Amino acid sequence: MKKLKFVLTSSAIILAVIAAFALRENIQNCTDIHQYYRDGSTYKSAGEFGVDYLCSASTDTCTFISDAGSYSPCHTGTHVSIPDKQRR
């Protein structure tokens, strides 16, 4: 009886893991896509993270991605541009 319980439990776990991988969405990491930041009511190109801008800690949206004219949040934080003098 213990062997049957072990086999059924193991099968259920394996099936759950397979189902989780099969049903997950294929979402591209937003950091691999060109980033924009909001400047008033317009969106501007953010540039390269760590070179052109940083995201300081906050609950705001730091950067967005664009898909056919609509913008979706990507990184959380406050957008901080790095001045030209401080760039490497």
N, C-alpha and C. Protein backbone atom coordinates (compact mmCIF):
# COMPACT_ATOMS: atom_id res chain seq x y z
N MET A 1 0.81 -1.19 0.00
CA MET A 1 0.00 0.00 0.00
C MET A 1 0.86 1.27 0.00
N LYS A 2 1.98 1.22 0.75
CA LYS A 2 2.86 2.37 0.80
C LYS A 2 3.51 2.63 -0.56
N LYS A 3 3.85 1.54 -1.28
CA LYS A 3 4.46 1.69 -2.60
C LYS A 3 3.47 2.33 -3.57
N LEU A 4 2.22 1.93 -3.51
CA LEU A 4 1.19 2.50 -4.39
C LEU A 4 1.00 3.99 -4.08
N LYS A 5 0.97 4.33 -2.82
CA LYS A 5 0.82 5.73 -2.42
C LYS A 5 2.01 6.56 -2.90
N PHE A 6 3.22 6.00 -2.79
CA PHE A 6 4.42 6.69 -3.24
C PHE A 6 4.39 6.90 -4.76
N VAL A 7 4.00 5.90 -5.50
CA VAL A 7 3.93 5.99 -6.96
C VAL A 7 2.90 7.03 -7.38
N LEU A 8 1.73 7.02 -6.77
CA LEU A 8 0.69 7.98 -7.12
C LEU A 8 1.09 9.42 -6.76
N THR A 9 1.70 9.59 -5.59
CA THR A 9 2.15 10.92 -5.19
C THR A 9 3.25 11.43 -6.11
N SER A 10 4.21 10.60 -6.44
CA SER A 10 5.29 10.97 -7.35
C SER A 10 4.74 11.32 -8.73
N SER A 11 3.81 10.54 -9.21
CA SER A 11 3.20 10.80 -10.52
C SER A 11 2.46 12.13 -10.52
N ALA A 12 1.76 12.43 -9.45
CA ALA A 12 1.02 13.69 -9.36
C ALA A 12 1.97 14.88 -9.36
N ILE A 13 3.09 14.77 -8.65
CA ILE A 13 4.07 15.86 -8.62
C ILE A 13 4.70 16.07 -9.99
N ILE A 14 5.10 14.99 -10.63
CA ILE A 14 5.70 15.09 -11.96
C ILE A 14 4.71 15.68 -12.96
N LEU A 15 3.48 15.25 -12.91
CA LEU A 15 2.45 15.77 -13.80
C LEU A 15 2.21 17.26 -13.55
N ALA A 16 2.22 17.69 -12.30
CA ALA A 16 2.02 19.10 -11.96
C ALA A 16 3.16 19.96 -12.51
N VAL A 17 4.39 19.48 -12.40
CA VAL A 17 5.53 20.22 -12.92
C VAL A 17 5.47 20.33 -14.44
N ILE A 18 5.14 19.25 -15.10
CA ILE A 18 5.02 19.26 -16.56
C ILE A 18 3.91 20.21 -16.99
N ALA A 19 2.79 20.19 -16.30
CA ALA A 19 1.67 21.07 -16.64
C ALA A 19 2.04 22.53 -16.43
N ALA A 20 2.79 22.82 -15.38
CA ALA A 20 3.20 24.21 -15.11
C ALA A 20 4.08 24.74 -16.24
N PHE A 21 5.02 23.94 -16.72
CA PHE A 21 5.86 24.38 -17.83
C PHE A 21 5.08 24.48 -19.13
N ALA A 22 4.17 23.58 -19.35
CA ALA A 22 3.40 23.58 -20.59
C ALA A 22 2.43 24.76 -20.67
N LEU A 23 1.91 25.20 -19.54
CA LEU A 23 0.89 26.25 -19.53
C LEU A 23 1.43 27.65 -19.27
N ARG A 24 2.72 27.78 -18.97
CA ARG A 24 3.24 29.11 -18.70
C ARG A 24 3.30 29.93 -19.99
N GLU A 25 3.14 31.23 -19.83
CA GLU A 25 3.17 32.12 -20.98
C GLU A 25 4.61 32.33 -21.43
N ASN A 26 4.79 32.49 -22.72
CA ASN A 26 6.10 32.76 -23.27
C ASN A 26 6.30 34.28 -23.32
N ILE A 27 6.72 34.86 -22.20
CA ILE A 27 6.87 36.29 -22.09
C ILE A 27 8.35 36.65 -22.23
N GLN A 28 8.63 37.59 -23.13
CA GLN A 28 9.99 38.05 -23.31
C GLN A 28 10.33 38.99 -22.16
N ASN A 29 11.54 38.90 -21.67
CA ASN A 29 12.00 39.78 -20.61
C ASN A 29 11.97 41.22 -21.12
N CYS A 30 11.32 42.12 -20.40
CA CYS A 30 11.16 43.49 -20.89
C CYS A 30 12.49 44.22 -20.99
N THR A 31 13.52 43.77 -20.30
CA THR A 31 14.81 44.46 -20.38
C THR A 31 15.50 44.23 -21.71
N ASP A 32 15.06 43.24 -22.48
CA ASP A 32 15.63 42.97 -23.79
C ASP A 32 15.02 43.86 -24.88
N ILE A 33 14.04 44.66 -24.52
CA ILE A 33 13.31 45.50 -25.46
C ILE A 33 13.68 46.96 -25.20
N HIS A 34 13.66 47.79 -26.23
CA HIS A 34 14.00 49.21 -26.08
C HIS A 34 13.13 49.85 -25.00
N GLN A 35 13.76 50.63 -24.11
CA GLN A 35 13.09 51.23 -22.97
C GLN A 35 12.75 52.71 -23.23
N TYR A 36 11.64 53.15 -22.67
CA TYR A 36 11.22 54.55 -22.73
C TYR A 36 10.92 55.03 -21.32
N TYR A 37 11.03 56.34 -21.10
CA TYR A 37 10.61 56.91 -19.83
C TYR A 37 9.61 58.02 -20.11
N ARG A 38 8.79 58.30 -19.12
CA ARG A 38 7.74 59.31 -19.28
C ARG A 38 8.29 60.68 -18.89
N ASP A 39 8.15 61.62 -19.79
CA ASP A 39 8.57 63.00 -19.55
C ASP A 39 7.34 63.88 -19.71
N GLY A 40 6.65 64.10 -18.60
CA GLY A 40 5.38 64.82 -18.67
C GLY A 40 4.33 63.95 -19.30
N SER A 41 3.83 64.36 -20.45
CA SER A 41 2.80 63.57 -21.14
C SER A 41 3.35 62.82 -22.35
N THR A 42 4.68 62.87 -22.55
CA THR A 42 5.29 62.17 -23.69
C THR A 42 6.25 61.10 -23.20
N TYR A 43 6.58 60.19 -24.08
CA TYR A 43 7.55 59.14 -23.79
C TYR A 43 8.81 59.40 -24.60
N LYS A 44 9.97 59.28 -23.96
CA LYS A 44 11.25 59.50 -24.63
C LYS A 44 12.13 58.27 -24.47
N SER A 45 13.05 58.10 -25.39
CA SER A 45 13.96 56.97 -25.33
C SER A 45 14.82 57.06 -24.07
N ALA A 46 14.90 55.97 -23.32
CA ALA A 46 15.64 55.98 -22.06
C ALA A 46 17.13 55.75 -22.27
N GLY A 47 17.51 55.11 -23.33
CA GLY A 47 18.92 54.81 -23.56
C GLY A 47 19.31 53.50 -22.90
N GLU A 48 20.58 53.40 -22.50
CA GLU A 48 21.11 52.17 -21.92
C GLU A 48 21.14 52.27 -20.40
N PHE A 49 20.61 51.25 -19.73
CA PHE A 49 20.57 51.23 -18.27
C PHE A 49 22.00 51.23 -17.72
N GLY A 50 22.25 52.08 -16.74
CA GLY A 50 23.57 52.16 -16.12
C GLY A 50 24.51 53.10 -16.85
N VAL A 51 24.19 53.45 -18.08
CA VAL A 51 25.01 54.39 -18.85
C VAL A 51 24.27 55.71 -19.02
N ASP A 52 23.02 55.62 -19.46
CA ASP A 52 22.21 56.81 -19.70
C ASP A 52 21.23 57.11 -18.57
N TYR A 53 20.84 56.09 -17.82
CA TYR A 53 19.86 56.30 -16.75
C TYR A 53 19.97 55.21 -15.70
N LEU A 54 19.38 55.49 -14.54
CA LEU A 54 19.24 54.53 -13.45
C LEU A 54 17.80 54.60 -12.96
N CYS A 55 17.37 53.61 -12.22
CA CYS A 55 16.05 53.61 -11.59
C CYS A 55 16.27 53.62 -10.08
N SER A 56 15.95 54.75 -9.44
CA SER A 56 16.08 54.81 -7.99
C SER A 56 14.87 54.16 -7.34
N ALA A 57 15.03 53.75 -6.11
CA ALA A 57 13.98 53.00 -5.40
C ALA A 57 12.74 53.85 -5.17
N SER A 58 11.62 53.39 -5.66
CA SER A 58 10.31 53.99 -5.40
C SER A 58 9.24 53.05 -5.95
N THR A 59 8.00 53.39 -5.76
CA THR A 59 6.91 52.57 -6.27
C THR A 59 6.42 53.05 -7.63
N ASP A 60 7.06 54.09 -8.18
CA ASP A 60 6.69 54.62 -9.50
C ASP A 60 7.15 53.67 -10.60
N THR A 61 6.81 53.99 -11.83
CA THR A 61 7.30 53.23 -12.97
C THR A 61 8.48 53.97 -13.58
N CYS A 62 9.62 53.32 -13.63
CA CYS A 62 10.84 53.94 -14.14
C CYS A 62 10.87 53.92 -15.67
N THR A 63 10.68 52.75 -16.25
CA THR A 63 10.72 52.64 -17.71
C THR A 63 9.52 51.87 -18.23
N PHE A 64 9.28 52.09 -19.50
CA PHE A 64 8.16 51.46 -20.20
C PHE A 64 8.68 50.81 -21.48
N ILE A 65 7.91 49.88 -22.02
CA ILE A 65 8.17 49.34 -23.34
C ILE A 65 6.98 49.69 -24.23
N SER A 66 7.24 49.77 -25.52
CA SER A 66 6.19 50.17 -26.46
C SER A 66 5.82 49.00 -27.35
N ASP A 67 4.50 48.83 -27.53
CA ASP A 67 4.00 47.81 -28.44
C ASP A 67 2.88 48.45 -29.26
N ALA A 68 3.20 48.79 -30.50
CA ALA A 68 2.23 49.38 -31.42
C ALA A 68 1.58 50.64 -30.86
N GLY A 69 2.39 51.50 -30.25
CA GLY A 69 1.88 52.78 -29.77
C GLY A 69 1.34 52.79 -28.35
N SER A 70 1.19 51.64 -27.73
CA SER A 70 0.76 51.62 -26.32
C SER A 70 1.98 51.27 -25.47
N TYR A 71 2.06 51.89 -24.32
CA TYR A 71 3.22 51.72 -23.44
C TYR A 71 2.83 50.90 -22.22
N SER A 72 3.69 49.94 -21.87
CA SER A 72 3.47 49.07 -20.71
C SER A 72 4.64 49.23 -19.74
N PRO A 73 4.38 49.20 -18.43
CA PRO A 73 5.46 49.34 -17.45
C PRO A 73 6.46 48.20 -17.56
N CYS A 74 7.73 48.53 -17.31
CA CYS A 74 8.78 47.51 -17.30
C CYS A 74 9.49 47.50 -15.95
N HIS A 75 10.25 48.55 -15.64
CA HIS A 75 10.97 48.63 -14.37
C HIS A 75 10.26 49.54 -13.37
N THR A 76 10.35 49.17 -12.11
CA THR A 76 9.80 49.98 -11.03
C THR A 76 10.89 50.89 -10.49
N GLY A 77 10.52 52.11 -10.13
CA GLY A 77 11.46 53.07 -9.57
C GLY A 77 11.25 54.43 -10.19
N THR A 78 12.11 55.36 -9.85
CA THR A 78 12.07 56.70 -10.43
C THR A 78 13.20 56.84 -11.42
N HIS A 79 12.88 57.29 -12.63
CA HIS A 79 13.88 57.43 -13.69
C HIS A 79 14.84 58.56 -13.34
N VAL A 80 16.15 58.28 -13.35
CA VAL A 80 17.18 59.28 -13.08
C VAL A 80 18.17 59.26 -14.23
N SER A 81 18.22 60.36 -14.99
CA SER A 81 19.17 60.46 -16.10
C SER A 81 20.57 60.69 -15.55
N ILE A 82 21.57 60.08 -16.19
CA ILE A 82 22.97 60.26 -15.79
C ILE A 82 23.54 61.37 -16.68
N PRO A 83 24.05 62.44 -16.08
CA PRO A 83 24.62 63.53 -16.86
C PRO A 83 25.81 63.06 -17.69
N ASP A 84 26.07 63.73 -18.83
CA ASP A 84 27.15 63.34 -19.72
C ASP A 84 28.51 63.29 -19.01
N LYS A 85 28.76 64.19 -18.07
CA LYS A 85 30.06 64.24 -17.37
C LYS A 85 30.32 62.99 -16.55
N GLN A 86 29.24 62.36 -16.06
CA GLN A 86 29.41 61.19 -15.18
C GLN A 86 29.42 59.89 -15.97
N ARG A 87 29.15 59.93 -17.25
CA ARG A 87 29.16 58.71 -18.05
C ARG A 87 30.59 58.25 -18.28
N ARG A 88 30.75 56.98 -18.43
CA ARG A 88 32.08 56.39 -18.65
C ARG A 88 32.56 56.64 -20.03
